[in-house]
């Protein structure tokens, strides 16, 4: 191997190792989050009371603001949780490939923007479920490709957009029992997170 090609080889090798390390960390993080959600749902099923109402987002109720941070981890039954689990795992995994630190920051922005937006636009109702995170990770991954313009992020963004574009119908009102507000503001939160956490101008690609 020539001296000229060696630095390029080492750089590619280092980049691949970093990507594989990030993929493993992202997968383990998402499995832990999903495991926690399933544990909470099992606890809710086995115990009396209604933690969904107690810790969900209750629109226009000041006490319901606690649900901004807890509602994404609660579900209205195992069917609801199963419907969210696979897209959450896939989109969360892709969102976390660029580092767990950025992933956690993006998740916090999605939770806060999605939750507060839902609270303001859902008077008299309570909302639970991880679908806001699902829409948020979708928006984050797609917008990250647009804002960062790294080849891998562009490819991932296009792939996610092609695979999950149909979920965008969920931001429209009209389906009983579905919080389009949570979907819409989760999506907005994801786009905002991608903008806030974008790479500085002039950063090496």
C-alpha atoms as a PDB file:
ATOM      1  CA  UNK A   1       0.000   0.000   0.000  1.00  0.00           C
ATOM      2  CA  UNK A   2       1.438   3.382  -0.992  1.00  0.00           C
ATOM      3  CA  UNK A   3       2.094   6.135   1.529  1.00  0.00           C
ATOM      4  CA  UNK A   4      -0.487   8.255  -0.314  1.00  0.00           C
ATOM      5  CA  UNK A   5      -3.306   5.732   0.031  1.00  0.00           C
ATOM      6  CA  UNK A   6      -2.554   4.747   3.634  1.00  0.00           C
ATOM      7  CA  UNK A   7      -4.065   7.900   5.284  1.00  0.00           C
ATOM      8  CA  UNK A   8      -7.234   7.484   3.230  1.00  0.00           C
ATOM      9  CA  UNK A   9      -7.442   3.817   4.195  1.00  0.00           C
ATOM     10  CA  UNK A  10      -6.922   4.605   7.871  1.00  0.00           C
ATOM     11  CA  UNK A  11      -9.530   7.357   7.719  1.00  0.00           C
ATOM     12  CA  UNK A  12     -12.086   5.031   6.106  1.00  0.00           C
ATOM     13  CA  UNK A  13     -11.290   2.313   8.632  1.00  0.00           C
ATOM     14  CA  UNK A  14     -11.718   4.753  11.520  1.00  0.00           C
ATOM     15  CA  UNK A  15     -15.000   6.032  10.072  1.00  0.00           C
ATOM     16  CA  UNK A  16     -16.370   2.499   9.704  1.00  0.00           C
ATOM     17  CA  UNK A  17     -15.376   1.604  13.264  1.00  0.00           C
ATOM     18  CA  UNK A  18     -17.050   4.769  14.550  1.00  0.00           C
ATOM     19  CA  UNK A  19     -20.239   3.998  12.608  1.00  0.00           C
ATOM     20  CA  UNK A  20     -20.383   0.417  13.892  1.00  0.00           C
ATOM     21  CA  UNK A  21     -19.805   1.605  17.456  1.00  0.00           C
ATOM     22  CA  UNK A  22     -22.555   4.189  17.060  1.00  0.00           C
ATOM     23  CA  UNK A  23     -24.908   1.584  15.617  1.00  0.00           C
ATOM     24  CA  UNK A  24     -24.389  -0.744  18.564  1.00  0.00           C
ATOM     25  CA  UNK A  25     -24.878   2.059  21.097  1.00  0.00           C
ATOM     26  CA  UNK A  26     -28.014   3.233  19.286  1.00  0.00           C
ATOM     27  CA  UNK A  27     -29.495  -0.279  19.153  1.00  0.00           C
ATOM     28  CA  UNK A  28     -28.847  -0.909  22.843  1.00  0.00           C
ATOM     29  CA  UNK A  29     -30.323   2.473  23.766  1.00  0.00           C
ATOM     30  CA  UNK A  30     -33.509   1.834  21.813  1.00  0.00           C
ATOM     31  CA  UNK A  31     -33.883  -1.664  23.237  1.00  0.00           C
ATOM     32  CA  UNK A  32     -33.538  -0.200  26.741  1.00  0.00           C
ATOM     33  CA  UNK A  33     -36.176   2.470  26.012  1.00  0.00           C
ATOM     34  CA  UNK A  34     -38.581  -0.081  24.575  1.00  0.00           C
ATOM     35  CA  UNK A  35     -37.929  -2.455  27.459  1.00  0.00           C
ATOM     36  CA  UNK A  36     -38.797   0.322  29.889  1.00  0.00           C
ATOM     37  CA  UNK A  37     -42.038   1.073  28.012  1.00  0.00           C
ATOM     38  CA  UNK A  38     -43.047  -2.582  28.090  1.00  0.00           C
ATOM     39  CA  UNK A  39     -42.229  -2.821  31.796  1.00  0.00           C
ATOM     40  CA  UNK A  40     -44.399   0.225  32.488  1.00  0.00           C
ATOM     41  CA  UNK A  41     -47.291  -1.228  30.475  1.00  0.00           C
ATOM     42  CA  UNK A  42     -47.053  -4.551  32.318  1.00  0.00           C
ATOM     43  CA  UNK A  43     -47.027  -2.683  35.637  1.00  0.00           C
ATOM     44  CA  UNK A  44     -50.065  -0.672  34.530  1.00  0.00           C
ATOM     45  CA  UNK A  45     -51.893  -3.873  33.557  1.00  0.00           C
ATOM     46  CA  UNK A  46     -51.157  -5.632  36.840  1.00  0.00           C
ATOM     47  CA  UNK A  47     -51.949  -2.788  39.237  1.00  0.00           C
ATOM     48  CA  UNK A  48     -55.165  -0.888  40.018  1.00  0.00           C
ATOM     49  CA  UNK A  49     -55.588   2.750  39.147  1.00  0.00           C
ATOM     50  CA  UNK A  50     -55.145   4.632  35.901  1.00  0.00           C
ATOM     51  CA  UNK A  51     -51.589   5.845  35.456  1.00  0.00           C
ATOM     52  CA  UNK A  52     -52.352   6.785  31.849  1.00  0.00           C
ATOM     53  CA  UNK A  53     -54.729   9.496  33.038  1.00  0.00           C
ATOM     54  CA  UNK A  54     -52.593  10.477  36.029  1.00  0.00           C
ATOM     55  CA  UNK A  55     -49.403  10.890  33.998  1.00  0.00           C
ATOM     56  CA  UNK A  56     -50.715  11.564  30.511  1.00  0.00           C
ATOM     57  CA  UNK A  57     -50.852  14.990  28.887  1.00  0.00           C
ATOM     58  CA  UNK A  58     -54.152  16.547  30.016  1.00  0.00           C
ATOM     59  CA  UNK A  59     -54.837  19.481  27.745  1.00  0.00           C
ATOM     60  CA  UNK A  60     -55.243  22.878  29.423  1.00  0.00           C
ATOM     61  CA  UNK A  61     -54.952  21.311  32.881  1.00  0.00           C
ATOM     62  CA  UNK A  62     -51.893  22.717  34.701  1.00  0.00           C
ATOM     63  CA  UNK A  63     -51.496  19.418  36.569  1.00  0.00           C
ATOM     64  CA  UNK A  64     -51.453  17.645  33.216  1.00  0.00           C
ATOM     65  CA  UNK A  65     -48.201  19.335  32.188  1.00  0.00           C
ATOM     66  CA  UNK A  66     -46.265  16.611  33.993  1.00  0.00           C
ATOM     67  CA  UNK A  67     -47.408  14.380  31.152  1.00  0.00           C
ATOM     68  CA  UNK A  68     -45.153  16.272  28.744  1.00  0.00           C
ATOM     69  CA  UNK A  69     -42.285  14.171  30.109  1.00  0.00           C
ATOM     70  CA  UNK A  70     -44.121  10.980  31.077  1.00  0.00           C
ATOM     71  CA  UNK A  71     -46.807  10.478  28.403  1.00  0.00           C
ATOM     72  CA  UNK A  72     -44.396   9.202  25.692  1.00  0.00           C
ATOM     73  CA  UNK A  73     -43.622   6.188  27.895  1.00  0.00           C
ATOM     74  CA  UNK A  74     -47.279   5.285  28.571  1.00  0.00           C
ATOM     75  CA  UNK A  75     -49.747   3.502  26.292  1.00  0.00           C
ATOM     76  CA  UNK A  76     -53.431   2.745  26.222  1.00  0.00           C
ATOM     77  CA  UNK A  77     -52.953  -1.028  26.193  1.00  0.00           C
ATOM     78  CA  UNK A  78     -50.609  -3.582  24.686  1.00  0.00           C
ATOM     79  CA  UNK A  79     -52.073  -3.138  21.201  1.00  0.00           C
ATOM     80  CA  UNK A  80     -51.184   0.549  21.275  1.00  0.00           C
ATOM     81  CA  UNK A  81     -47.659  -0.233  22.457  1.00  0.00           C
ATOM     82  CA  UNK A  82     -47.139  -2.965  19.845  1.00  0.00           C
ATOM     83  CA  UNK A  83     -48.209  -0.584  17.078  1.00  0.00           C
ATOM     84  CA  UNK A  84     -45.560   1.911  18.176  1.00  0.00           C
ATOM     85  CA  UNK A  85     -42.741  -0.493  19.014  1.00  0.00           C
ATOM     86  CA  UNK A  86     -41.362  -1.402  15.579  1.00  0.00           C
ATOM     87  CA  UNK A  87     -41.381   2.088  14.008  1.00  0.00           C
ATOM     88  CA  UNK A  88     -39.961   3.513  17.233  1.00  0.00           C
ATOM     89  CA  UNK A  89     -37.151   0.945  17.219  1.00  0.00           C
ATOM     90  CA  UNK A  90     -36.290   1.508  13.549  1.00  0.00           C
ATOM     91  CA  UNK A  91     -36.527   5.302  13.478  1.00  0.00           C
ATOM     92  CA  UNK A  92     -34.927   5.723  16.892  1.00  0.00           C
ATOM     93  CA  UNK A  93     -32.047   3.476  15.846  1.00  0.00           C
ATOM     94  CA  UNK A  94     -31.408   5.538  12.708  1.00  0.00           C
ATOM     95  CA  UNK A  95     -31.718   8.781  14.687  1.00  0.00           C
ATOM     96  CA  UNK A  96     -29.093   7.564  17.157  1.00  0.00           C
ATOM     97  CA  UNK A  97     -26.421   6.576  14.631  1.00  0.00           C
ATOM     98  CA  UNK A  98     -24.655   9.934  14.876  1.00  0.00           C
ATOM     99  CA  UNK A  99     -24.085   9.653  18.619  1.00  0.00           C
ATOM    100  CA  UNK A 100     -26.099   9.046  21.752  1.00  0.00           C
ATOM    101  CA  UNK A 101     -25.465  12.552  23.071  1.00  0.00           C
ATOM    102  CA  UNK A 102     -27.137  14.157  20.051  1.00  0.00           C
ATOM    103  CA  UNK A 103     -29.844  11.512  20.104  1.00  0.00           C
ATOM    104  CA  UNK A 104     -30.759  12.270  23.724  1.00  0.00           C
ATOM    105  CA  UNK A 105     -30.750  16.014  23.044  1.00  0.00           C
ATOM    106  CA  UNK A 106     -32.992  15.501  20.013  1.00  0.00           C
ATOM    107  CA  UNK A 107     -35.311  13.255  22.032  1.00  0.00           C
ATOM    108  CA  UNK A 108     -35.656  15.909  24.748  1.00  0.00           C
ATOM    109  CA  UNK A 109     -36.509  18.604  22.198  1.00  0.00           C
ATOM    110  CA  UNK A 110     -39.064  16.329  20.528  1.00  0.00           C
ATOM    111  CA  UNK A 111     -40.656  15.437  23.873  1.00  0.00           C
ATOM    112  CA  UNK A 112     -40.888  19.055  25.046  1.00  0.00           C
ATOM    113  CA  UNK A 113     -42.061  20.603  21.763  1.00  0.00           C
ATOM    114  CA  UNK A 114     -44.420  17.711  21.009  1.00  0.00           C
ATOM    115  CA  UNK A 115     -45.803  17.608  24.538  1.00  0.00           C
ATOM    116  CA  UNK A 116     -46.308  21.341  25.046  1.00  0.00           C
ATOM    117  CA  UNK A 117     -47.859  21.684  21.589  1.00  0.00           C
ATOM    118  CA  UNK A 118     -50.241  18.828  22.342  1.00  0.00           C
ATOM    119  CA  UNK A 119     -51.158  20.334  25.735  1.00  0.00           C
ATOM    120  CA  UNK A 120     -52.041  23.680  24.156  1.00  0.00           C
ATOM    121  CA  UNK A 121     -54.126  22.225  21.316  1.00  0.00           C
ATOM    122  CA  UNK A 122     -55.984  19.394  23.090  1.00  0.00           C
ATOM    123  CA  UNK A 123     -58.325  20.969  25.657  1.00  0.00           C
ATOM    124  CA  UNK A 124     -60.291  18.506  27.750  1.00  0.00           C
ATOM    125  CA  UNK A 125     -58.496  15.390  26.531  1.00  0.00           C
ATOM    126  CA  UNK A 126     -55.588  13.298  27.737  1.00  0.00           C
ATOM    127  CA  UNK A 127     -52.892  11.901  25.481  1.00  0.00           C
ATOM    128  CA  UNK A 128     -50.384   9.072  25.932  1.00  0.00           C
ATOM    129  CA  UNK A 129     -48.126   7.108  23.626  1.00  0.00           C
ATOM    130  CA  UNK A 130     -44.767   7.123  21.877  1.00  0.00           C
ATOM    131  CA  UNK A 131     -46.170   8.076  18.473  1.00  0.00           C
ATOM    132  CA  UNK A 132     -45.012  11.654  19.010  1.00  0.00           C
ATOM    133  CA  UNK A 133     -41.472  10.291  19.298  1.00  0.00           C
ATOM    134  CA  UNK A 134     -42.012   8.180  16.179  1.00  0.00           C
ATOM    135  CA  UNK A 135     -43.017  11.251  14.177  1.00  0.00           C
ATOM    136  CA  UNK A 136     -40.255  13.263  15.820  1.00  0.00           C
ATOM    137  CA  UNK A 137     -37.524  10.792  14.857  1.00  0.00           C
ATOM    138  CA  UNK A 138     -38.930  10.665  11.343  1.00  0.00           C
ATOM    139  CA  UNK A 139     -38.721  14.454  11.066  1.00  0.00           C
ATOM    140  CA  UNK A 140     -35.283  14.514  12.687  1.00  0.00           C
ATOM    141  CA  UNK A 141     -33.706  11.941  10.372  1.00  0.00           C
ATOM    142  CA  UNK A 142     -35.164  13.433   7.184  1.00  0.00           C
ATOM    143  CA  UNK A 143     -34.317  17.028   8.164  1.00  0.00           C
ATOM    144  CA  UNK A 144     -30.835  16.047   9.377  1.00  0.00           C
ATOM    145  CA  UNK A 145     -29.998  14.961   5.851  1.00  0.00           C
ATOM    146  CA  UNK A 146     -31.156  18.338   4.523  1.00  0.00           C
ATOM    147  CA  UNK A 147     -29.354  20.442   7.120  1.00  0.00           C
ATOM    148  CA  UNK A 148     -26.074  18.514   7.553  1.00  0.00           C
ATOM    149  CA  UNK A 149     -25.701  17.411   3.922  1.00  0.00           C
ATOM    150  CA  UNK A 150     -23.398  14.516   4.719  1.00  0.00           C
ATOM    151  CA  UNK A 151     -23.779  11.712   2.207  1.00  0.00           C
ATOM    152  CA  UNK A 152     -24.731   9.092   4.784  1.00  0.00           C
ATOM    153  CA  UNK A 153     -27.315  11.370   6.408  1.00  0.00           C
ATOM    154  CA  UNK A 154     -28.814  12.274   3.029  1.00  0.00           C
ATOM    155  CA  UNK A 155     -29.094   8.583   2.104  1.00  0.00           C
ATOM    156  CA  UNK A 156     -30.626   7.708   5.485  1.00  0.00           C
ATOM    157  CA  UNK A 157     -33.051  10.611   5.240  1.00  0.00           C
ATOM    158  CA  UNK A 158     -34.171   9.606   1.761  1.00  0.00           C
ATOM    159  CA  UNK A 159     -34.531   5.981   2.838  1.00  0.00           C
ATOM    160  CA  UNK A 160     -36.640   6.889   5.868  1.00  0.00           C
ATOM    161  CA  UNK A 161     -38.773   9.269   3.807  1.00  0.00           C
ATOM    162  CA  UNK A 162     -39.403   6.561   1.199  1.00  0.00           C
ATOM    163  CA  UNK A 163     -40.201   3.876   3.772  1.00  0.00           C
ATOM    164  CA  UNK A 164     -42.354   5.903   6.159  1.00  0.00           C
ATOM    165  CA  UNK A 165     -43.813   8.770   4.129  1.00  0.00           C
ATOM    166  CA  UNK A 166     -47.331   7.340   4.570  1.00  0.00           C
ATOM    167  CA  UNK A 167     -47.298   8.135   8.304  1.00  0.00           C
ATOM    168  CA  UNK A 168     -47.618  11.814   7.421  1.00  0.00           C
ATOM    169  CA  UNK A 169     -51.362  11.254   7.047  1.00  0.00           C
ATOM    170  CA  UNK A 170     -51.358  10.976  10.837  1.00  0.00           C
ATOM    171  CA  UNK A 171     -50.766  14.712  11.252  1.00  0.00           C
ATOM    172  CA  UNK A 172     -54.226  15.421   9.839  1.00  0.00           C
ATOM    173  CA  UNK A 173     -57.299  15.556  12.083  1.00  0.00           C
ATOM    174  CA  UNK A 174     -60.253  13.277  11.579  1.00  0.00           C
ATOM    175  CA  UNK A 175     -59.421   9.859  13.053  1.00  0.00           C
ATOM    176  CA  UNK A 176     -61.205   9.281  16.391  1.00  0.00           C
ATOM    177  CA  UNK A 177     -58.929   8.274  19.239  1.00  0.00           C
ATOM    178  CA  UNK A 178     -55.762   9.381  17.424  1.00  0.00           C
ATOM    179  CA  UNK A 179     -53.854  12.434  18.628  1.00  0.00           C
ATOM    180  CA  UNK A 180     -52.996  14.190  15.401  1.00  0.00           C
ATOM    181  CA  UNK A 181     -51.734  17.024  17.612  1.00  0.00           C
ATOM    182  CA  UNK A 182     -49.131  14.725  19.176  1.00  0.00           C
ATOM    183  CA  UNK A 183     -48.073  13.557  15.725  1.00  0.00           C
ATOM    184  CA  UNK A 184     -47.882  17.057  14.263  1.00  0.00           C
ATOM    185  CA  UNK A 185     -45.955  18.651  17.104  1.00  0.00           C
ATOM    186  CA  UNK A 186     -43.698  15.615  17.437  1.00  0.00           C
ATOM    187  CA  UNK A 187     -42.825  16.026  13.751  1.00  0.00           C
ATOM    188  CA  UNK A 188     -42.185  19.744  14.261  1.00  0.00           C
ATOM    189  CA  UNK A 189     -40.018  18.918  17.266  1.00  0.00           C
ATOM    190  CA  UNK A 190     -37.914  16.561  15.159  1.00  0.00           C
ATOM    191  CA  UNK A 191     -37.310  19.169  12.459  1.00  0.00           C
ATOM    192  CA  UNK A 192     -36.431  21.788  15.084  1.00  0.00           C
ATOM    193  CA  UNK A 193     -34.036  19.325  16.744  1.00  0.00           C
ATOM    194  CA  UNK A 194     -32.285  18.676  13.424  1.00  0.00           C
ATOM    195  CA  UNK A 195     -31.845  22.431  12.937  1.00  0.00           C
ATOM    196  CA  UNK A 196     -30.629  23.116  16.476  1.00  0.00           C
ATOM    197  CA  UNK A 197     -28.212  20.166  16.454  1.00  0.00           C
ATOM    198  CA  UNK A 198     -26.934  20.673  12.897  1.00  0.00           C
ATOM    199  CA  UNK A 199     -23.202  20.715  12.261  1.00  0.00           C
ATOM    200  CA  UNK A 200     -21.461  24.099  12.415  1.00  0.00           C
ATOM    201  CA  UNK A 201     -20.942  25.743   9.056  1.00  0.00           C
ATOM    202  CA  UNK A 202     -17.599  24.763   7.576  1.00  0.00           C
ATOM    203  CA  UNK A 203     -17.288  21.531   9.562  1.00  0.00           C
ATOM    204  CA  UNK A 204     -15.407  18.748   7.787  1.00  0.00           C
ATOM    205  CA  UNK A 205     -17.749  16.326   6.085  1.00  0.00           C
END
